Protein backbone atom coordinates (compact mmCIF):
# COMPACT_ATOMS: atom_id res chain seq x y z
CA ILE A 1 -92.93 147.04 136.66
CA ALA A 2 -89.74 148.06 136.05
CA ASP A 3 -89.18 145.62 133.02
CA LEU A 4 -92.14 147.22 130.94
CA TYR A 5 -90.08 150.51 130.17
CA ALA A 6 -87.05 148.00 128.80
CA LEU A 7 -89.57 146.02 126.45
CA LYS A 8 -88.60 147.18 122.53
CA GLU A 9 -90.63 147.61 119.63
CA GLU A 10 -88.98 144.65 117.93
CA GLU A 11 -89.78 142.27 120.98
CA LEU A 12 -93.36 143.34 121.07
CA LEU A 13 -94.72 142.79 117.31
CA PRO A 14 -93.81 139.28 117.27
CA LEU A 15 -96.19 138.89 120.10
CA GLU A 16 -99.95 137.38 119.23
CA ARG A 17 -102.54 140.91 118.99
CA MET A 18 -100.15 142.97 119.08
CA ALA A 19 -99.95 145.09 115.60
CA GLN A 20 -98.23 148.03 114.81
CA LYS A 21 -100.86 150.10 116.25
CA SER A 22 -100.60 148.58 119.76
CA VAL A 23 -97.55 148.13 119.83
CA ASP A 24 -97.10 151.82 119.12
CA ASN A 25 -99.79 152.89 121.70
CA LEU A 26 -98.16 150.86 124.30
CA LEU A 27 -94.70 152.25 123.82
CA LEU A 28 -95.94 156.08 123.72
CA GLY A 29 -98.03 155.43 126.72
CA LEU A 30 -95.18 153.53 128.58
CA GLU A 31 -92.92 157.21 127.68
CA ALA A 32 -96.08 159.57 129.21
CA SER A 33 -95.72 157.71 132.06
CA LYS A 34 -92.51 158.75 132.91
CA LYS A 35 -93.83 161.82 133.50
CA GLN A 36 -96.62 161.71 136.09
CA PRO A 37 -95.93 163.30 139.36
CA PHE A 38 -93.66 161.46 142.01
CA ALA A 39 -96.70 161.36 144.03
CA LYS A 40 -98.53 159.31 141.27
CA VAL A 41 -95.07 156.88 141.30
CA LEU A 42 -95.06 156.60 144.98
CA PHE A 43 -98.78 155.45 145.18
CA GLY A 44 -98.15 153.29 142.22
CA LEU A 45 -95.37 151.34 143.73
CA GLY A 46 -98.70 149.80 146.02
CA ILE A 47 -96.90 150.12 149.53
CA ARG A 48 -99.42 149.28 152.10
CA PHE A 49 -101.80 152.04 153.71
CA VAL A 50 -100.38 154.29 150.82
CA GLY A 51 -102.88 155.53 149.30
CA ALA A 52 -103.38 158.84 146.77
CA THR A 53 -103.65 161.07 149.42
CA VAL A 54 -101.23 159.90 152.29
CA ALA A 55 -98.43 159.29 149.13
CA LYS A 56 -99.19 163.34 148.11
CA ARG A 57 -98.51 164.21 151.20
CA LEU A 58 -95.56 162.35 151.51
CA ALA A 59 -94.17 163.30 148.30
CA SER A 60 -94.84 167.12 149.33
CA HIS A 61 -92.95 166.93 152.53
CA PHE A 62 -89.82 164.72 151.79
CA VAL A 63 -90.12 166.16 148.09
CA SER A 64 -87.88 163.10 146.58
CA MET A 65 -87.79 158.90 146.36
CA SER A 66 -84.28 159.34 147.88
CA ASN A 67 -85.31 161.49 151.51
CA LEU A 68 -88.12 159.04 152.05
CA MET A 69 -86.13 155.80 151.47
CA GLN A 70 -83.90 157.38 154.13
CA ALA A 71 -86.54 158.35 156.45
CA THR A 72 -86.72 157.26 160.20
CA GLU A 73 -90.31 156.16 161.80
CA GLU A 74 -90.11 159.09 163.89
CA GLU A 75 -89.25 161.08 160.74
CA LEU A 76 -92.34 159.70 159.31
CA ILE A 77 -94.82 159.97 162.18
CA ALA A 78 -93.82 164.29 162.32
CA VAL A 79 -95.45 164.36 158.90
CA ASP A 80 -99.15 165.33 159.07
CA ASP A 81 -101.81 162.88 158.67
CA ILE A 82 -99.03 160.08 158.87
CA GLY A 83 -99.28 157.80 161.79
CA VAL A 84 -97.56 155.03 163.43
CA ARG A 85 -99.22 152.31 161.04
CA ILE A 86 -98.15 154.14 157.60
CA ALA A 87 -94.63 155.17 158.89
CA GLN A 88 -93.60 151.28 160.08
CA SER A 89 -95.27 150.23 156.41
CA LEU A 90 -93.16 152.51 154.95
CA VAL A 91 -90.19 151.48 156.47
CA TYR A 92 -90.15 148.02 156.14
CA TYR A 93 -91.35 148.30 152.83
CA PHE A 94 -87.92 150.43 151.67
CA GLN A 95 -85.87 147.77 154.06
CA ILE A 96 -86.74 144.77 151.49
CA PRO A 97 -83.64 145.22 148.65
CA SER A 98 -85.70 144.04 146.40
CA ASN A 99 -88.13 146.81 146.64
CA ARG A 100 -84.67 149.63 146.59
CA GLU A 101 -83.82 147.61 143.59
CA LEU A 102 -87.27 148.54 141.68
CA VAL A 103 -86.48 151.86 142.76
CA LEU A 104 -83.65 152.51 141.30
CA ARG A 105 -83.90 150.44 138.06
CA LEU A 106 -87.75 152.72 137.46
CA THR A 107 -84.98 155.74 138.49
CA GLN A 108 -82.95 154.89 135.86
CA PHE A 109 -85.26 154.35 133.02
CA GLY A 110 -86.22 158.49 133.66
CA VAL A 111 -89.51 157.56 135.81
CA GLN A 112 -90.48 161.17 138.19
CA MET A 113 -88.94 160.33 141.48
CA GLU A 114 -88.95 164.06 142.95
CA ASN A 115 -91.14 166.91 143.25
CA GLU A 116 -90.98 169.64 140.57
CA ILE A 117 -90.00 173.03 142.29
CA LEU A 118 -92.97 175.29 141.98
CA ALA A 119 -92.63 179.22 142.24
CA LEU A 120 -94.50 180.60 144.77
CA THR A 121 -97.09 183.16 144.51
CA SER A 122 -96.06 184.26 147.91
CA ASN A 123 -95.48 182.81 151.34
CA ALA A 124 -98.56 184.95 153.27
CA LEU A 125 -99.23 181.18 154.29
CA ASP A 126 -96.42 179.93 155.12
CA GLY A 127 -96.77 177.60 158.15
CA LYS A 128 -100.06 177.75 158.28
CA ASN A 129 -102.19 174.20 158.44
CA ILE A 130 -105.35 174.24 156.81
CA VAL A 131 -108.30 171.83 157.12
CA VAL A 132 -110.89 172.17 154.02
CA SER A 133 -114.23 171.16 154.37
CA GLY A 134 -117.28 170.78 152.69
CA VAL A 135 -118.84 172.05 149.44
CA PHE A 136 -117.74 175.08 147.82
CA GLU A 137 -119.87 177.47 145.27
CA THR A 138 -117.63 179.36 143.45
CA LEU A 139 -114.72 177.52 143.06
CA SER A 140 -114.01 173.70 143.45
CA ARG A 141 -112.05 172.02 146.95
CA ASN A 142 -109.07 170.95 144.91
CA GLU A 143 -108.72 174.63 143.17
CA LEU A 144 -109.16 175.84 146.75
CA LYS A 145 -106.17 173.56 148.06
CA ALA A 146 -103.95 174.66 144.87
CA MET A 147 -104.49 177.89 145.78
CA ILE A 148 -103.56 177.78 149.60
CA GLU A 149 -100.38 175.45 148.55
CA GLU A 150 -99.74 178.24 146.28
CA HIS A 151 -99.54 180.51 148.92
CA GLY A 152 -97.33 178.65 150.95
CA GLY A 153 -99.88 177.15 152.90
CA LYS A 154 -100.31 173.25 153.44
CA VAL A 155 -103.49 171.44 153.33
CA SER A 156 -104.69 168.84 155.88
CA SER A 157 -107.04 166.30 155.52
CA SER A 158 -108.38 166.32 159.50
CA ILE A 159 -107.98 168.36 162.50
CA SER A 160 -105.24 168.44 164.80
CA SER A 161 -103.35 170.23 167.11
CA LYS A 162 -101.32 171.44 164.23
CA THR A 163 -104.57 172.89 162.34
CA SER A 164 -104.04 176.55 161.77
CA PHE A 165 -107.43 177.48 160.74
CA ILE A 166 -110.45 175.37 158.56
CA VAL A 167 -112.59 176.67 155.47
CA ALA A 168 -115.82 175.13 155.89
CA GLY A 169 -118.04 175.13 152.77
CA THR A 170 -121.85 175.38 152.35
CA GLY A 171 -123.94 173.69 154.45
CA GLN A 172 -121.22 172.59 156.64
CA LYS A 173 -122.14 171.94 159.92
CA VAL A 174 -119.23 172.30 162.59
CA ALA A 175 -118.78 171.35 165.83
CA LYS A 176 -116.61 172.86 168.39
CA HIS A 177 -112.92 171.98 168.13
CA GLY A 178 -110.36 173.90 171.03
CA ASN A 179 -109.80 177.66 169.70
CA TYR A 180 -109.73 176.86 166.09
CA ASN A 181 -110.86 179.47 163.75
CA PHE A 182 -113.44 178.59 160.82
CA PHE A 183 -114.48 180.34 158.01
CA PHE A 184 -117.34 179.75 155.49
CA ASN A 185 -118.18 179.79 151.79
CA SER A 186 -119.38 183.93 152.12
CA VAL A 187 -116.13 184.78 153.60
CA LEU A 188 -113.79 183.15 151.74
CA PHE A 189 -111.68 184.99 149.67
CA ASP A 190 -111.86 187.97 152.16
CA THR A 191 -110.35 185.57 154.57
CA LEU A 192 -107.84 184.19 152.35
CA ARG A 193 -107.21 187.91 151.20
CA ASN A 194 -106.89 189.11 154.60
CA PHE A 195 -103.97 186.70 155.20
CA LEU A 196 -102.27 187.47 151.91
CA ALA A 197 -101.77 191.05 153.07
CA PHE A 198 -99.83 190.03 156.38
């Protein structure tokens, strides 16, 4: 993968079916890929069991590739939604010298290896682990997740002992899960507004 970033225009033009426009598009695409967020870069490494959602969770928790590479199996398992299988896969991947060399080379070429520090709107949901479930009428699930994260909350994909509360969308059937608080679409904004007032 890293070798692609070392390609030069003069090396590409002599190749079959590589006209000037094709070369320009390729080089522009490679340059643009350097701006992809850390979570997408991590997903792109193709680590076993690390899908897009897991990559985003890991990037959010560890902030940088350097931190992630140094994480122990126990530290990885402590992250929401990260089980033993994923943790062991990550530890194994980063123990292989060629994989560490790949990360180093990608870093040297300017690929994003850490999260941008985003300014929070507030920290009203700091420490809250929130599960979003169902379909919402007034905004998309991604918009809702972004709203929660902007106020310091963490969005989890599954219910666990760390869940603070669950936001359920239209027509969502909710079973009883301990003492968790459930909030439905009709009161969604009032619920968030109440939390943000704390």
